[in-house]
Amino acid sequence: MKRVGLLLAAGLSRRFGEEDKLLAPWRGKPLVSYAAKVLRSLPLDGLAAVVRSDAVARELGEIDHIHQPAPERGQGTSLAIGAAYAAEQQADRLLILLADMPLVSARHAEEVLKTCTDDRPCLSRDGELVAPPACFPGSWFAELKALEGDQGAGSLLRRKETAPLFVDALRGELRDVDTVQDLEEAAA
């Protein structure tokens, strides 16, 4: 079984201010470095990141970079680009992490990867919140490649008859950073 990890790192950081939030310092390193470290630590056969900025790509080092030519088109478009990459790699699983979620543990991401089946994706859950990390089987790649807009995979999951599987996260582990205040709160 071939498993590919994908880091979505092409957002516009509109609510963060003038700087790219993924390069903002958090605990002494750029924010993007935390999700990238988790991705590198997992038993994956390939690593890629959808990026919009060369500066973020440099922070990711050996992770393959896929440039997002139209980041304003939303996360769904970035996910579609990543699914196309996974399909080209002939992957059986696609594990997705968001670059602005520094508190996700490798243990949690690996459990999501292990729980995904050949026909059922696995998502993370913290109470009512459902979010990445998420893992999709190869049988879903064609539909993922058709996504667009800012809905990500949520719109696809609502249309499908096959219910996803879930892995419960630790409280606060799925916190993402959208604003400077979010960054400060995540550090607390």
Protein backbone atom coordinates (compact mmCIF):
# COMPACT_ATOMS: atom_id res chain seq x y z
CA MET A 1 0.00 0.00 0.00
CA LYS A 2 1.35 3.42 -1.00
CA ARG A 3 0.57 6.33 1.33
CA VAL A 4 1.15 9.99 0.51
CA GLY A 5 1.06 12.88 2.95
CA LEU A 6 -0.12 16.31 1.84
CA LEU A 7 0.35 19.62 3.63
CA LEU A 8 -2.07 22.35 2.57
CA ALA A 9 -0.01 25.56 2.85
CA ALA A 10 -1.38 27.88 0.17
CA GLY A 11 -3.86 30.04 2.08
CA LEU A 12 -3.87 33.82 1.75
CA SER A 13 -3.73 34.57 5.52
CA ARG A 14 -6.30 37.36 5.05
CA ARG A 15 -7.35 37.47 8.72
CA PHE A 16 -3.79 37.39 10.02
CA GLY A 17 -2.63 40.79 8.80
CA GLU A 18 0.09 41.76 6.36
CA GLU A 19 2.54 38.93 6.98
CA ASP A 20 2.15 35.32 5.91
CA LYS A 21 0.92 33.52 9.03
CA LEU A 22 2.78 30.36 8.05
CA LEU A 23 6.08 32.22 8.47
CA ALA A 24 5.07 33.86 11.76
CA PRO A 25 7.26 32.75 14.65
CA TRP A 26 5.65 30.33 17.09
CA ARG A 27 7.71 28.80 19.87
CA GLY A 28 10.86 29.91 18.08
CA LYS A 29 10.13 28.51 14.63
CA PRO A 30 7.89 29.41 11.68
CA LEU A 31 4.33 28.16 12.22
CA VAL A 32 4.46 25.94 9.11
CA SER A 33 7.39 23.97 10.51
CA TYR A 34 5.26 22.19 13.13
CA ALA A 35 2.83 20.50 10.74
CA ALA A 36 5.72 19.75 8.38
CA LYS A 37 7.63 18.03 11.20
CA VAL A 38 4.59 15.84 11.96
CA LEU A 39 4.25 14.90 8.29
CA ARG A 40 7.94 13.97 8.05
CA SER A 41 7.68 11.72 11.12
CA LEU A 42 4.91 9.51 9.73
CA PRO A 43 5.26 6.20 7.84
CA LEU A 44 4.52 7.69 4.43
CA ASP A 45 5.83 6.85 0.96
CA GLY A 46 5.71 10.40 -0.34
CA LEU A 47 5.36 13.95 0.98
CA ALA A 48 4.03 17.00 -0.81
CA ALA A 49 2.84 20.48 0.05
CA VAL A 50 0.58 22.78 -1.93
CA VAL A 51 2.14 26.23 -1.48
CA ARG A 52 1.66 29.72 -2.82
CA SER A 53 4.87 31.28 -1.54
CA ASP A 54 8.50 30.48 -2.27
CA ALA A 55 9.39 31.46 1.31
CA VAL A 56 7.05 28.80 2.72
CA ALA A 57 8.41 26.26 0.21
CA ARG A 58 11.96 26.95 1.46
CA GLU A 59 10.84 26.25 5.04
CA LEU A 60 9.55 22.83 3.99
CA GLY A 61 12.88 21.58 2.70
CA GLU A 62 12.71 18.12 1.10
CA ILE A 63 8.91 17.96 0.93
CA ASP A 64 7.80 18.15 -2.72
CA HIS A 65 6.32 21.57 -3.50
CA ILE A 66 3.28 21.97 -5.70
CA HIS A 67 2.67 25.60 -6.53
CA GLN A 68 -0.93 26.80 -6.17
CA PRO A 69 -1.36 29.23 -9.09
CA ALA A 70 -4.71 30.60 -7.84
CA PRO A 71 -4.79 30.57 -4.00
CA GLU A 72 -7.77 32.92 -4.04
CA ARG A 73 -9.86 30.03 -5.41
CA GLY A 74 -9.85 28.37 -1.99
CA GLN A 75 -8.85 25.28 -0.09
CA GLY A 76 -10.92 22.97 -2.29
CA THR A 77 -8.75 23.88 -5.26
CA SER A 78 -5.57 23.16 -3.26
CA LEU A 79 -6.99 19.82 -2.17
CA ALA A 80 -7.81 19.00 -5.79
CA ILE A 81 -4.20 19.73 -6.76
CA GLY A 82 -2.99 17.46 -3.96
CA ALA A 83 -5.35 14.65 -4.94
CA ALA A 84 -4.08 14.86 -8.51
CA TYR A 85 -0.53 14.54 -7.17
CA ALA A 86 -1.51 11.47 -5.09
CA ALA A 87 -3.18 9.90 -8.14
CA GLU A 88 -0.05 10.52 -10.24
CA GLN A 89 1.98 8.81 -7.51
CA GLN A 90 -0.43 5.85 -7.68
CA ALA A 91 -1.12 6.25 -3.96
CA ASP A 92 -3.71 4.20 -2.10
CA ARG A 93 -4.11 6.75 0.71
CA LEU A 94 -3.84 10.53 0.94
CA LEU A 95 -3.28 11.97 4.42
CA ILE A 96 -4.04 15.69 4.64
CA LEU A 97 -2.68 18.10 7.25
CA LEU A 98 -3.19 21.85 7.41
CA ALA A 99 -0.10 24.02 7.80
CA ASP A 100 -1.80 26.31 10.32
CA MET A 101 -2.54 23.58 12.89
CA PRO A 102 0.61 23.41 15.04
CA LEU A 103 -0.86 21.36 17.90
CA VAL A 104 -1.71 18.21 15.94
CA SER A 105 0.41 15.34 17.22
CA ALA A 106 2.12 12.70 15.11
CA ARG A 107 0.30 10.08 17.20
CA HIS A 108 -3.08 11.49 16.18
CA ALA A 109 -2.18 11.91 12.49
CA GLU A 110 -0.86 8.35 12.35
CA GLU A 111 -4.06 7.01 13.91
CA VAL A 112 -6.09 8.82 11.23
CA LEU A 113 -3.87 7.26 8.55
CA LYS A 114 -4.28 3.75 10.04
CA THR A 115 -8.07 4.07 10.42
CA CYS A 116 -8.79 4.99 6.78
CA THR A 117 -10.01 2.02 4.74
CA ASP A 118 -10.15 1.25 1.02
CA ASP A 119 -13.63 2.78 0.75
CA ARG A 120 -14.05 5.01 3.84
CA PRO A 121 -12.12 8.17 4.66
CA CYS A 122 -11.11 9.02 8.20
CA LEU A 123 -11.48 12.46 9.77
CA SER A 124 -10.44 14.02 13.06
CA ARG A 125 -12.99 15.03 15.64
CA ASP A 126 -12.88 17.10 18.82
CA GLY A 127 -16.41 17.08 20.19
CA GLU A 128 -18.57 18.75 17.53
CA LEU A 129 -15.56 20.02 15.53
CA VAL A 130 -14.62 17.84 12.54
CA ALA A 131 -11.38 18.83 10.83
CA PRO A 132 -8.13 17.61 9.35
CA PRO A 133 -5.99 15.66 9.70
CA ALA A 134 -8.02 13.57 7.30
CA CYS A 135 -7.16 10.57 5.19
CA PHE A 136 -8.85 9.59 1.95
CA PRO A 137 -8.63 6.29 0.06
CA GLY A 138 -7.57 6.19 -3.57
CA SER A 139 -11.16 5.37 -4.55
CA TRP A 140 -12.05 8.99 -3.62
CA PHE A 141 -9.25 10.73 -5.58
CA ALA A 142 -11.29 11.36 -8.74
CA GLU A 143 -13.95 13.23 -6.77
CA LEU A 144 -11.34 15.08 -4.71
CA LYS A 145 -9.67 16.24 -7.94
CA ALA A 146 -12.97 17.90 -8.94
CA LEU A 147 -13.20 20.07 -5.80
CA GLU A 148 -13.03 23.84 -5.97
CA GLY A 149 -13.84 26.80 -3.80
CA ASP A 150 -13.27 27.15 -0.09
CA GLN A 151 -15.33 24.21 1.14
CA GLY A 152 -12.56 21.63 1.06
CA ALA A 153 -13.77 18.05 1.25
CA GLY A 154 -16.81 18.92 3.39
CA SER A 155 -19.09 19.33 0.40
CA LEU A 156 -18.00 15.96 -0.99
CA LEU A 157 -18.49 14.22 2.36
CA ARG A 158 -22.04 15.56 2.61
CA ARG A 159 -22.92 14.16 -0.84
CA LYS A 160 -21.48 10.70 -0.33
CA GLU A 161 -23.53 7.81 1.00
CA THR A 162 -20.47 6.25 2.63
CA ALA A 163 -20.05 7.64 6.14
CA PRO A 164 -16.52 8.58 7.16
CA LEU A 165 -14.70 7.09 10.12
CA PHE A 166 -13.47 9.32 12.96
CA VAL A 167 -10.52 9.50 15.31
CA ASP A 168 -11.03 11.64 18.41
CA ALA A 169 -8.37 14.27 19.02
CA LEU A 170 -7.20 15.58 22.35
CA ARG A 171 -9.00 18.72 23.45
CA GLY A 172 -7.59 21.71 21.57
CA GLU A 173 -5.37 19.60 19.30
CA LEU A 174 -7.33 20.65 16.19
CA ARG A 175 -6.98 24.37 16.87
CA ASP A 176 -6.00 26.28 13.77
CA VAL A 177 -4.40 29.70 13.52
CA ASP A 178 -6.26 32.33 11.53
CA THR A 179 -5.40 35.51 13.46
CA VAL A 180 -2.52 36.87 15.53
CA GLN A 181 -4.71 36.31 18.61
CA ASP A 182 -5.17 32.63 17.62
CA LEU A 183 -1.37 32.31 17.42
CA GLU A 184 -0.95 33.80 20.88
CA GLU A 185 -3.69 31.60 22.36
CA ALA A 186 -2.20 28.45 20.81
CA ALA A 187 1.12 29.27 22.46
CA ALA A 188 -0.52 29.61 25.90
